[in-house]
Amino acid sequence: MDKALVTGILLVLVVLAILGMVLSWRKKVKRDSRFQIVLPGTSVTDHTSAPVEFSGFYVATTLAVDPLHRLTLPGLGFRADAHLLVSSDGITIAPRGEKNTFIPSAQIVQIHRTQVAIDKAVEKDGLTAISWSAWDTARNESVEFTSFFRFSIPEIRLACEKALVSNFPNATSKEVSS
């Protein structure tokens, strides 16, 4: 076979693979665009009090009922180093290279530790998980998400969890509060 023909076939296959990836990503983003991060009727104050800031790694946000379904919400689509800002008003997730996502305190449902997220497995209780509610505009109902964070320094993780517990005591599970 001629080298030019083989090269041409390989180029066509590479272009088709890239096109398939782009189209599937767009479909996923369109599917997840039905979710509204702030619940209807919830006021967004975006930290009127000074937030405490923690640096770590944002792993993923998934549906609480389907932890194998990564969401592509605005600002929460990709794994990245991130800052987590915590105050009594809510939390802000600020992954590097993404827009900040503010979640009001009224929507924070649970804070717990876990070992596994959709594509990350670590030591026992190595991930801090924050479950929160949002709005599904297609079904007109509240839906629960879980966002996962990894802190490489245990003292930072404990300080973050302490800030979360003190700001959202009704959302804390017993594994974190102990």
C-alpha atoms as a PDB file:
ATOM      1  CA  MET A   1       0.000   0.000   0.000  1.00  0.00           C
ATOM      2  CA  ASP A   2       1.149   3.493  -0.753  1.00  0.00           C
ATOM      3  CA  LYS A   3       2.411   5.550   2.223  1.00  0.00           C
ATOM      4  CA  ALA A   4       0.242   8.507   1.230  1.00  0.00           C
ATOM      5  CA  LEU A   5      -2.880   6.321   1.244  1.00  0.00           C
ATOM      6  CA  VAL A   6      -2.096   4.911   4.708  1.00  0.00           C
ATOM      7  CA  THR A   7      -1.363   8.414   5.997  1.00  0.00           C
ATOM      8  CA  GLY A   8      -4.630   9.678   4.534  1.00  0.00           C
ATOM      9  CA  ILE A   9      -6.640   6.852   6.117  1.00  0.00           C
ATOM     10  CA  LEU A  10      -5.015   7.466   9.513  1.00  0.00           C
ATOM     11  CA  LEU A  11      -5.708  11.214   9.255  1.00  0.00           C
ATOM     12  CA  VAL A  12      -9.368  10.552   8.448  1.00  0.00           C
ATOM     13  CA  LEU A  13      -9.638   8.205  11.454  1.00  0.00           C
ATOM     14  CA  VAL A  14      -8.028  10.764  13.777  1.00  0.00           C
ATOM     15  CA  VAL A  15     -10.360  13.525  12.525  1.00  0.00           C
ATOM     16  CA  LEU A  16     -13.389  11.246  12.991  1.00  0.00           C
ATOM     17  CA  ALA A  17     -12.291  10.375  16.534  1.00  0.00           C
ATOM     18  CA  ILE A  18     -11.830  14.041  17.450  1.00  0.00           C
ATOM     19  CA  LEU A  19     -15.168  14.941  15.867  1.00  0.00           C
ATOM     20  CA  GLY A  20     -16.860  12.160  17.865  1.00  0.00           C
ATOM     21  CA  MET A  21     -15.338  13.460  21.104  1.00  0.00           C
ATOM     22  CA  VAL A  22     -16.422  17.056  20.403  1.00  0.00           C
ATOM     23  CA  LEU A  23     -19.967  16.032  19.501  1.00  0.00           C
ATOM     24  CA  SER A  24     -20.360  13.797  22.568  1.00  0.00           C
ATOM     25  CA  TRP A  25     -19.040  16.565  24.847  1.00  0.00           C
ATOM     26  CA  ARG A  26     -21.524  19.059  23.358  1.00  0.00           C
ATOM     27  CA  LYS A  27     -24.351  16.564  23.874  1.00  0.00           C
ATOM     28  CA  LYS A  28     -23.317  16.101  27.520  1.00  0.00           C
ATOM     29  CA  VAL A  29     -23.145  19.868  28.130  1.00  0.00           C
ATOM     30  CA  LYS A  30     -26.565  20.337  26.505  1.00  0.00           C
ATOM     31  CA  ARG A  31     -28.065  17.519  28.616  1.00  0.00           C
ATOM     32  CA  ASP A  32     -26.705  19.041  31.853  1.00  0.00           C
ATOM     33  CA  SER A  33     -27.774  22.605  30.958  1.00  0.00           C
ATOM     34  CA  ARG A  34     -31.210  21.789  32.359  1.00  0.00           C
ATOM     35  CA  PHE A  35     -29.792  22.084  35.888  1.00  0.00           C
ATOM     36  CA  GLN A  36     -29.986  25.468  37.591  1.00  0.00           C
ATOM     37  CA  ILE A  37     -27.460  25.770  40.412  1.00  0.00           C
ATOM     38  CA  VAL A  38     -29.418  28.262  42.527  1.00  0.00           C
ATOM     39  CA  LEU A  39     -32.916  27.120  43.508  1.00  0.00           C
ATOM     40  CA  PRO A  40     -35.813  29.349  42.427  1.00  0.00           C
ATOM     41  CA  GLY A  41     -36.623  31.884  45.118  1.00  0.00           C
ATOM     42  CA  THR A  42     -33.199  31.579  46.786  1.00  0.00           C
ATOM     43  CA  SER A  43     -31.317  34.828  47.181  1.00  0.00           C
ATOM     44  CA  VAL A  44     -27.664  34.849  46.206  1.00  0.00           C
ATOM     45  CA  THR A  45     -25.494  36.981  48.467  1.00  0.00           C
ATOM     46  CA  ASP A  46     -22.115  35.564  47.433  1.00  0.00           C
ATOM     47  CA  HIS A  47     -20.379  35.906  50.812  1.00  0.00           C
ATOM     48  CA  THR A  48     -21.441  39.084  52.577  1.00  0.00           C
ATOM     49  CA  SER A  49     -19.299  37.881  55.473  1.00  0.00           C
ATOM     50  CA  ALA A  50     -15.607  37.196  54.941  1.00  0.00           C
ATOM     51  CA  PRO A  51     -15.187  33.634  53.697  1.00  0.00           C
ATOM     52  CA  VAL A  52     -12.484  31.268  54.863  1.00  0.00           C
ATOM     53  CA  GLU A  53     -10.484  29.972  51.890  1.00  0.00           C
ATOM     54  CA  PHE A  54      -8.998  26.505  51.426  1.00  0.00           C
ATOM     55  CA  SER A  55      -6.826  25.256  48.571  1.00  0.00           C
ATOM     56  CA  GLY A  56      -7.222  21.728  47.338  1.00  0.00           C
ATOM     57  CA  PHE A  57      -8.240  19.692  44.330  1.00  0.00           C
ATOM     58  CA  TYR A  58     -11.753  19.747  42.906  1.00  0.00           C
ATOM     59  CA  VAL A  59     -12.466  16.185  41.749  1.00  0.00           C
ATOM     60  CA  ALA A  60     -16.010  16.117  40.337  1.00  0.00           C
ATOM     61  CA  THR A  61     -19.674  16.865  40.830  1.00  0.00           C
ATOM     62  CA  THR A  62     -22.103  13.992  40.383  1.00  0.00           C
ATOM     63  CA  LEU A  63     -25.767  13.298  40.889  1.00  0.00           C
ATOM     64  CA  ALA A  64     -26.172  12.052  44.461  1.00  0.00           C
ATOM     65  CA  VAL A  65     -28.385   9.182  43.253  1.00  0.00           C
ATOM     66  CA  ASP A  66     -26.029   8.330  40.369  1.00  0.00           C
ATOM     67  CA  PRO A  67     -22.411   8.757  41.496  1.00  0.00           C
ATOM     68  CA  LEU A  68     -21.129   7.467  38.136  1.00  0.00           C
ATOM     69  CA  HIS A  69     -22.681  10.399  36.250  1.00  0.00           C
ATOM     70  CA  ARG A  70     -20.240  13.315  36.135  1.00  0.00           C
ATOM     71  CA  LEU A  71     -21.998  16.613  35.565  1.00  0.00           C
ATOM     72  CA  THR A  72     -20.806  19.398  33.294  1.00  0.00           C
ATOM     73  CA  LEU A  73     -22.269  22.320  35.199  1.00  0.00           C
ATOM     74  CA  PRO A  74     -20.853  25.785  34.488  1.00  0.00           C
ATOM     75  CA  GLY A  75     -17.613  26.088  36.432  1.00  0.00           C
ATOM     76  CA  LEU A  76     -17.726  22.453  37.583  1.00  0.00           C
ATOM     77  CA  GLY A  77     -17.026  20.509  34.398  1.00  0.00           C
ATOM     78  CA  PHE A  78     -13.345  19.692  34.842  1.00  0.00           C
ATOM     79  CA  ARG A  79     -11.016  18.414  37.561  1.00  0.00           C
ATOM     80  CA  ALA A  80      -8.623  21.117  38.692  1.00  0.00           C
ATOM     81  CA  ASP A  81      -6.764  22.708  41.558  1.00  0.00           C
ATOM     82  CA  ALA A  82      -9.363  24.816  43.297  1.00  0.00           C
ATOM     83  CA  HIS A  83     -10.149  27.183  46.106  1.00  0.00           C
ATOM     84  CA  LEU A  84     -13.119  26.431  48.327  1.00  0.00           C
ATOM     85  CA  LEU A  85     -14.507  29.529  50.046  1.00  0.00           C
ATOM     86  CA  VAL A  86     -16.717  28.855  53.062  1.00  0.00           C
ATOM     87  CA  SER A  87     -18.904  31.323  54.960  1.00  0.00           C
ATOM     88  CA  SER A  88     -22.307  31.292  56.613  1.00  0.00           C
ATOM     89  CA  ASP A  89     -23.740  32.562  53.295  1.00  0.00           C
ATOM     90  CA  GLY A  90     -22.687  29.414  51.429  1.00  0.00           C
ATOM     91  CA  ILE A  91     -19.703  28.023  49.581  1.00  0.00           C
ATOM     92  CA  THR A  92     -17.888  29.070  46.440  1.00  0.00           C
ATOM     93  CA  ILE A  93     -16.079  26.479  44.378  1.00  0.00           C
ATOM     94  CA  ALA A  94     -13.363  28.160  42.311  1.00  0.00           C
ATOM     95  CA  PRO A  95     -11.473  25.675  40.103  1.00  0.00           C
ATOM     96  CA  ARG A  96      -8.455  27.109  38.307  1.00  0.00           C
ATOM     97  CA  GLY A  97      -9.395  28.118  34.765  1.00  0.00           C
ATOM     98  CA  GLU A  98     -13.161  27.895  35.408  1.00  0.00           C
ATOM     99  CA  LYS A  99     -15.757  30.383  36.573  1.00  0.00           C
ATOM    100  CA  ASN A 100     -16.609  30.457  40.269  1.00  0.00           C
ATOM    101  CA  THR A 101     -19.717  28.604  41.411  1.00  0.00           C
ATOM    102  CA  PHE A 102     -21.593  29.894  44.458  1.00  0.00           C
ATOM    103  CA  ILE A 103     -23.930  27.561  46.348  1.00  0.00           C
ATOM    104  CA  PRO A 104     -26.175  29.283  48.934  1.00  0.00           C
ATOM    105  CA  SER A 105     -26.188  27.862  52.459  1.00  0.00           C
ATOM    106  CA  ALA A 106     -29.880  26.911  52.239  1.00  0.00           C
ATOM    107  CA  GLN A 107     -28.984  24.381  49.522  1.00  0.00           C
ATOM    108  CA  ILE A 108     -26.216  22.563  51.369  1.00  0.00           C
ATOM    109  CA  VAL A 109     -27.611  19.183  52.391  1.00  0.00           C
ATOM    110  CA  GLN A 110     -24.757  17.086  53.769  1.00  0.00           C
ATOM    111  CA  ILE A 111     -21.026  17.126  54.420  1.00  0.00           C
ATOM    112  CA  HIS A 112     -19.304  13.783  54.636  1.00  0.00           C
ATOM    113  CA  ARG A 113     -16.113  11.882  53.861  1.00  0.00           C
ATOM    114  CA  THR A 114     -15.741   9.198  51.252  1.00  0.00           C
ATOM    115  CA  GLN A 115     -13.082   7.134  49.559  1.00  0.00           C
ATOM    116  CA  VAL A 116     -14.310   7.067  45.961  1.00  0.00           C
ATOM    117  CA  ALA A 117     -15.619   9.585  43.433  1.00  0.00           C
ATOM    118  CA  ILE A 118     -16.413   8.874  39.798  1.00  0.00           C
ATOM    119  CA  ASP A 119     -12.774   8.702  38.678  1.00  0.00           C
ATOM    120  CA  LYS A 120     -10.793   9.043  41.867  1.00  0.00           C
ATOM    121  CA  ALA A 121     -10.091   6.458  44.554  1.00  0.00           C
ATOM    122  CA  VAL A 122      -8.022   7.386  47.593  1.00  0.00           C
ATOM    123  CA  GLU A 123      -7.359   6.182  51.125  1.00  0.00           C
ATOM    124  CA  LYS A 124     -10.299   5.664  53.491  1.00  0.00           C
ATOM    125  CA  ASP A 125     -12.151   8.952  54.061  1.00  0.00           C
ATOM    126  CA  GLY A 126      -9.650  10.810  51.845  1.00  0.00           C
ATOM    127  CA  LEU A 127     -12.253  12.865  49.975  1.00  0.00           C
ATOM    128  CA  THR A 128     -14.452  15.573  51.433  1.00  0.00           C
ATOM    129  CA  ALA A 129     -17.901  15.452  49.854  1.00  0.00           C
ATOM    130  CA  ILE A 130     -20.448  18.253  49.933  1.00  0.00           C
ATOM    131  CA  SER A 131     -23.982  17.316  48.906  1.00  0.00           C
ATOM    132  CA  TRP A 132     -26.199  20.173  47.778  1.00  0.00           C
ATOM    133  CA  SER A 133     -29.493  20.698  46.034  1.00  0.00           C
ATOM    134  CA  ALA A 134     -30.145  22.389  42.708  1.00  0.00           C
ATOM    135  CA  TRP A 135     -33.096  22.742  40.361  1.00  0.00           C
ATOM    136  CA  ASP A 136     -33.932  20.496  37.408  1.00  0.00           C
ATOM    137  CA  THR A 137     -35.748  22.824  34.995  1.00  0.00           C
ATOM    138  CA  ALA A 138     -36.904  19.921  32.798  1.00  0.00           C
ATOM    139  CA  ARG A 139     -38.714  18.153  35.654  1.00  0.00           C
ATOM    140  CA  ASN A 140     -39.430  21.217  37.828  1.00  0.00           C
ATOM    141  CA  GLU A 141     -38.041  19.566  40.919  1.00  0.00           C
ATOM    142  CA  SER A 142     -35.115  19.757  43.269  1.00  0.00           C
ATOM    143  CA  VAL A 143     -32.231  17.368  42.618  1.00  0.00           C
ATOM    144  CA  GLU A 144     -29.238  16.588  44.825  1.00  0.00           C
ATOM    145  CA  PHE A 145     -25.613  16.785  43.689  1.00  0.00           C
ATOM    146  CA  THR A 146     -22.383  15.843  45.437  1.00  0.00           C
ATOM    147  CA  SER A 147     -19.128  17.725  44.864  1.00  0.00           C
ATOM    148  CA  PHE A 148     -15.882  16.002  45.846  1.00  0.00           C
ATOM    149  CA  PHE A 149     -12.655  17.616  47.037  1.00  0.00           C
ATOM    150  CA  ARG A 150      -9.206  16.228  47.786  1.00  0.00           C
ATOM    151  CA  PHE A 151      -6.904  18.020  50.194  1.00  0.00           C
ATOM    152  CA  SER A 152      -3.336  16.723  50.096  1.00  0.00           C
ATOM    153  CA  ILE A 153      -2.499  18.165  53.516  1.00  0.00           C
ATOM    154  CA  PRO A 154      -4.590  16.540  56.281  1.00  0.00           C
ATOM    155  CA  GLU A 155      -4.536  19.694  58.420  1.00  0.00           C
ATOM    156  CA  ILE A 156      -6.113  21.703  55.589  1.00  0.00           C
ATOM    157  CA  ARG A 157      -8.809  19.050  55.115  1.00  0.00           C
ATOM    158  CA  LEU A 158      -9.600  19.075  58.839  1.00  0.00           C
ATOM    159  CA  ALA A 159      -9.682  22.896  58.933  1.00  0.00           C
ATOM    160  CA  CYS A 160     -11.988  22.954  55.897  1.00  0.00           C
ATOM    161  CA  GLU A 161     -14.301  20.365  57.420  1.00  0.00           C
ATOM    162  CA  LYS A 162     -14.308  22.311  60.699  1.00  0.00           C
ATOM    163  CA  ALA A 163     -15.339  25.469  58.814  1.00  0.00           C
ATOM    164  CA  LEU A 164     -18.048  23.544  56.964  1.00  0.00           C
ATOM    165  CA  VAL A 165     -19.343  21.999  60.206  1.00  0.00           C
ATOM    166  CA  SER A 166     -19.432  25.338  62.034  1.00  0.00           C
ATOM    167  CA  ASN A 167     -21.193  27.123  59.143  1.00  0.00           C
ATOM    168  CA  PHE A 168     -23.620  24.323  58.231  1.00  0.00           C
ATOM    169  CA  PRO A 169     -24.245  22.266  61.389  1.00  0.00           C
ATOM    170  CA  ASN A 170     -27.547  20.844  60.088  1.00  0.00           C
ATOM    171  CA  ALA A 171     -25.843  19.437  56.987  1.00  0.00           C
ATOM    172  CA  THR A 172     -23.075  17.548  58.739  1.00  0.00           C
ATOM    173  CA  SER A 173     -22.977  13.788  58.921  1.00  0.00           C
ATOM    174  CA  LYS A 174     -21.477  12.123  61.977  1.00  0.00           C
ATOM    175  CA  GLU A 175     -18.315  10.940  60.169  1.00  0.00           C
ATOM    176  CA  VAL A 176     -17.162  14.549  59.728  1.00  0.00           C
ATOM    177  CA  SER A 177     -18.224  15.932  63.074  1.00  0.00           C
ATOM    178  CA  SER A 178     -16.223  13.371  65.051  1.00  0.00           C
END
